[in-house]
Amino acid sequence: MLDDVIDSTAQAAEQAKRLEKGVCSPKWLVVAAHSAAQAAMTCYLNQGDGMTSWRKKDAQAWQNAYEQQQAQSASFQGYPVVRLNFFMELYADVKETAQMKRDARITSSLSGDMDRWMIELNQLRNSLVHFQANRHVVFKQHVVAVTQAASATVNALSASPSFPWWWSDEAEHASSLLQEHLKTLDSALSTLTTTSTSA
């Protein structure tokens, strides 16, 4: 998952540079930014068994199966397939966890207009991936704003003492690499805000 945070952020930075040059559509920038934010939220929530980032009903089903196995129950039929929780539920769980941990950096970063932009990021990504008919024009300023929200989320979470950099054998290098990608992404987004408004 740490690799996914780094790779998705790197891909977002690359797509932002390509969009800046006018050689691509905004689709892959939005998809990569969404992926980076989702991976960062999953990492922040996963402090051990990973269940905190699963869909609630999947986590409960897995827990029930585990208890059946421990009890050597005849009804145990193996573990269920589990799925990652929905994007906005991950976001809500991250905010709740940060409040419980009194993580001021995260609670201050994920406040104000951030809720709106994360909703917009999720909706735009879904629209671009699932080809919903309700989007006819995508504005660069909108793409920039939702991508900036994703970047700010990754930045805040990855800087938290609770972020599991300890999973990596080269934590310092991995953290430095992510910061480099975030800097490149933010620079390209800054340039995009001064160019034309529609993509």
Protein backbone atom coordinates (compact mmCIF):
# COMPACT_ATOMS: atom_id res chain seq x y z
CA MET A 1 0.00 0.00 0.00
CA LEU A 2 2.87 2.38 0.66
CA ASP A 3 4.12 1.69 -2.86
CA ASP A 4 0.66 2.53 -4.19
CA VAL A 5 0.67 5.90 -2.41
CA ILE A 6 4.05 6.73 -3.95
CA ASP A 7 3.27 5.35 -7.42
CA SER A 8 -0.16 6.98 -7.66
CA THR A 9 1.25 10.34 -6.56
CA ALA A 10 4.06 10.00 -9.12
CA GLN A 11 1.48 9.21 -11.81
CA ALA A 12 -0.61 12.22 -10.79
CA ALA A 13 2.47 14.45 -11.04
CA GLU A 14 3.26 13.07 -14.49
CA GLN A 15 -0.31 13.52 -15.72
CA ALA A 16 -0.40 17.09 -14.33
CA LYS A 17 2.75 17.91 -16.32
CA ARG A 18 1.23 16.36 -19.46
CA LEU A 19 -2.02 18.28 -18.97
CA GLU A 20 0.02 21.45 -18.52
CA LYS A 21 1.49 20.82 -21.99
CA GLY A 22 -1.96 20.09 -23.40
CA VAL A 23 -1.07 16.55 -24.48
CA CYS A 24 -3.68 14.60 -22.50
CA SER A 25 -7.19 14.74 -21.09
CA PRO A 26 -7.71 15.31 -17.35
CA LYS A 27 -9.10 11.80 -16.82
CA TRP A 28 -5.88 10.10 -15.76
CA LEU A 29 -4.82 12.97 -13.52
CA VAL A 30 -8.09 12.70 -11.60
CA VAL A 31 -7.90 8.90 -11.45
CA ALA A 32 -4.30 8.98 -10.18
CA ALA A 33 -5.04 11.71 -7.62
CA HIS A 34 -8.04 9.76 -6.34
CA SER A 35 -5.94 6.60 -6.12
CA ALA A 36 -3.18 8.41 -4.20
CA ALA A 37 -5.64 9.85 -1.67
CA GLN A 38 -7.40 6.51 -1.27
CA ALA A 39 -4.13 4.65 -0.73
CA ALA A 40 -2.93 7.23 1.80
CA MET A 41 -6.20 7.00 3.74
CA THR A 42 -6.01 3.19 3.69
CA CYS A 43 -2.44 3.27 5.02
CA TYR A 44 -3.33 5.73 7.76
CA LEU A 45 -6.23 3.56 8.92
CA ASN A 46 -4.35 0.26 8.63
CA GLN A 47 -2.35 -0.12 11.80
CA GLY A 48 -2.37 -3.90 11.91
CA ASP A 49 -4.95 -6.30 10.55
CA GLY A 50 -6.33 -3.93 7.91
CA MET A 51 -9.95 -4.38 8.95
CA THR A 52 -10.41 -0.68 9.70
CA SER A 53 -10.27 0.12 5.99
CA TRP A 54 -12.69 -2.60 4.88
CA ARG A 55 -16.38 -2.19 4.21
CA LYS A 56 -18.12 -2.59 7.55
CA LYS A 57 -20.21 -5.61 6.55
CA ASP A 58 -17.11 -7.34 5.13
CA ALA A 59 -15.15 -6.72 8.32
CA GLN A 60 -18.02 -8.13 10.38
CA ALA A 61 -18.32 -11.19 8.13
CA TRP A 62 -14.56 -11.79 8.41
CA GLN A 63 -14.71 -11.44 12.20
CA ASN A 64 -17.59 -13.92 12.36
CA ALA A 65 -15.65 -16.40 10.21
CA TYR A 66 -12.59 -15.97 12.43
CA GLU A 67 -14.61 -16.71 15.55
CA GLN A 68 -16.13 -19.78 13.91
CA GLN A 69 -12.67 -21.04 12.99
CA GLN A 70 -11.33 -20.44 16.51
CA ALA A 71 -14.29 -22.31 17.96
CA GLN A 72 -13.71 -25.09 15.40
CA SER A 73 -17.33 -24.69 14.40
CA ALA A 74 -18.80 -26.94 11.69
CA SER A 75 -20.33 -23.81 10.15
CA PHE A 76 -16.89 -22.40 9.30
CA GLN A 77 -16.61 -22.40 5.51
CA GLY A 78 -13.56 -20.25 5.02
CA TYR A 79 -13.02 -16.52 5.02
CA PRO A 80 -15.16 -14.19 2.92
CA VAL A 81 -13.93 -11.91 0.17
CA VAL A 82 -13.35 -8.46 1.64
CA ARG A 83 -13.36 -5.12 -0.14
CA LEU A 84 -11.97 -1.72 0.62
CA ASN A 85 -14.48 0.69 2.09
CA PHE A 86 -16.04 3.40 -0.08
CA PHE A 87 -13.86 6.46 -0.67
CA MET A 88 -15.94 8.95 1.31
CA GLU A 89 -16.38 6.50 4.18
CA LEU A 90 -12.60 6.09 4.32
CA TYR A 91 -12.35 9.87 4.44
CA ALA A 92 -14.88 10.10 7.30
CA ASP A 93 -13.04 7.33 9.19
CA VAL A 94 -9.71 9.12 8.73
CA LYS A 95 -11.16 12.34 10.16
CA GLU A 96 -12.71 10.49 13.09
CA THR A 97 -9.47 8.60 13.79
CA ALA A 98 -7.43 11.80 13.64
CA GLN A 99 -9.77 13.46 16.15
CA MET A 100 -9.47 10.49 18.51
CA LYS A 101 -5.68 10.59 18.20
CA ARG A 102 -5.69 14.39 18.59
CA ASP A 103 -3.72 14.65 15.39
CA ALA A 104 -4.00 18.41 14.91
CA ARG A 105 -2.18 18.47 11.56
CA ILE A 106 -4.75 16.17 9.98
CA THR A 107 -7.82 17.66 11.62
CA SER A 108 -6.76 21.15 10.50
CA SER A 109 -5.86 19.98 6.98
CA LEU A 110 -9.09 18.04 6.49
CA SER A 111 -11.44 20.86 7.39
CA GLY A 112 -13.21 23.81 5.82
CA ASP A 113 -13.66 23.38 2.07
CA MET A 114 -11.74 20.09 2.05
CA ASP A 115 -14.92 18.03 2.57
CA ARG A 116 -16.48 19.62 -0.50
CA TRP A 117 -13.43 19.08 -2.68
CA MET A 118 -13.00 15.46 -1.63
CA ILE A 119 -16.65 14.81 -2.52
CA GLU A 120 -16.05 16.54 -5.84
CA LEU A 121 -12.90 14.48 -6.43
CA ASN A 122 -14.79 11.25 -5.83
CA GLN A 123 -17.72 12.29 -8.03
CA LEU A 124 -15.50 13.47 -10.87
CA ARG A 125 -13.40 10.32 -10.76
CA ASN A 126 -16.56 8.15 -10.83
CA SER A 127 -17.96 10.19 -13.69
CA LEU A 128 -14.77 9.85 -15.75
CA VAL A 129 -14.31 6.14 -15.02
CA HIS A 130 -17.94 5.06 -15.41
CA PHE A 131 -18.74 7.45 -18.27
CA GLN A 132 -21.74 9.01 -16.59
CA ALA A 133 -23.70 11.21 -18.96
CA ASN A 134 -24.03 14.16 -16.57
CA ARG A 135 -20.57 15.58 -17.39
CA HIS A 136 -20.23 17.36 -20.71
CA VAL A 137 -17.55 19.93 -19.89
CA VAL A 138 -14.68 19.46 -17.46
CA PHE A 139 -12.97 22.66 -16.36
CA LYS A 140 -9.26 22.74 -15.66
CA GLN A 141 -9.83 24.89 -12.58
CA HIS A 142 -12.13 22.18 -11.21
CA VAL A 143 -9.64 19.40 -11.99
CA VAL A 144 -6.88 21.44 -10.33
CA ALA A 145 -8.97 22.06 -7.21
CA VAL A 146 -9.88 18.41 -6.64
CA THR A 147 -6.32 17.28 -7.35
CA GLN A 148 -4.98 19.85 -4.87
CA ALA A 149 -7.37 18.40 -2.28
CA ALA A 150 -5.97 14.93 -2.95
CA SER A 151 -2.40 16.22 -2.72
CA ALA A 152 -3.10 18.00 0.57
CA THR A 153 -4.66 14.82 1.97
CA VAL A 154 -1.68 12.68 1.00
CA ASN A 155 0.70 15.28 2.39
CA ALA A 156 -1.09 15.58 5.74
CA LEU A 157 -1.52 11.84 6.25
CA SER A 158 2.00 10.89 5.21
CA ALA A 159 3.46 13.45 7.64
CA SER A 160 1.51 12.05 10.58
CA PRO A 161 3.39 10.06 13.24
CA SER A 162 0.64 7.44 12.80
CA PHE A 163 1.40 6.91 9.11
CA PRO A 164 2.95 3.41 8.82
CA TRP A 165 6.28 4.25 7.23
CA TRP A 166 7.68 1.47 9.40
CA TRP A 167 6.24 -1.01 6.86
CA SER A 168 9.01 0.00 4.46
CA ASP A 169 12.57 -1.30 4.71
CA GLU A 170 13.68 2.08 3.36
CA ALA A 171 11.23 4.38 5.11
CA GLU A 172 13.35 7.53 4.86
CA HIS A 173 13.92 7.07 1.14
CA ALA A 174 10.25 6.23 0.52
CA SER A 175 9.07 9.29 2.44
CA SER A 176 11.54 11.51 0.59
CA LEU A 177 10.41 10.11 -2.75
CA LEU A 178 6.76 10.81 -1.94
CA GLN A 179 7.58 14.38 -0.95
CA GLU A 180 9.43 14.84 -4.23
CA HIS A 181 6.40 13.64 -6.20
CA LEU A 182 4.06 15.87 -4.18
CA LYS A 183 6.28 18.88 -4.85
CA THR A 184 6.29 18.13 -8.59
CA LEU A 185 2.52 17.67 -8.57
CA ASP A 186 1.85 20.90 -6.68
CA SER A 187 4.18 22.83 -8.99
CA ALA A 188 2.42 21.53 -12.11
CA LEU A 189 -1.00 22.29 -10.59
CA SER A 190 0.13 25.81 -9.78
CA THR A 191 1.13 26.32 -13.41
CA LEU A 192 -2.20 24.91 -14.59
CA THR A 193 -4.13 27.54 -12.63
CA THR A 194 -2.58 30.26 -14.81
CA THR A 195 -3.53 28.58 -18.10
CA SER A 196 -6.90 28.39 -19.85
CA THR A 197 -9.86 27.28 -17.75
CA SER A 198 -11.32 24.46 -19.83
CA ALA A 199 -9.85 21.08 -20.76
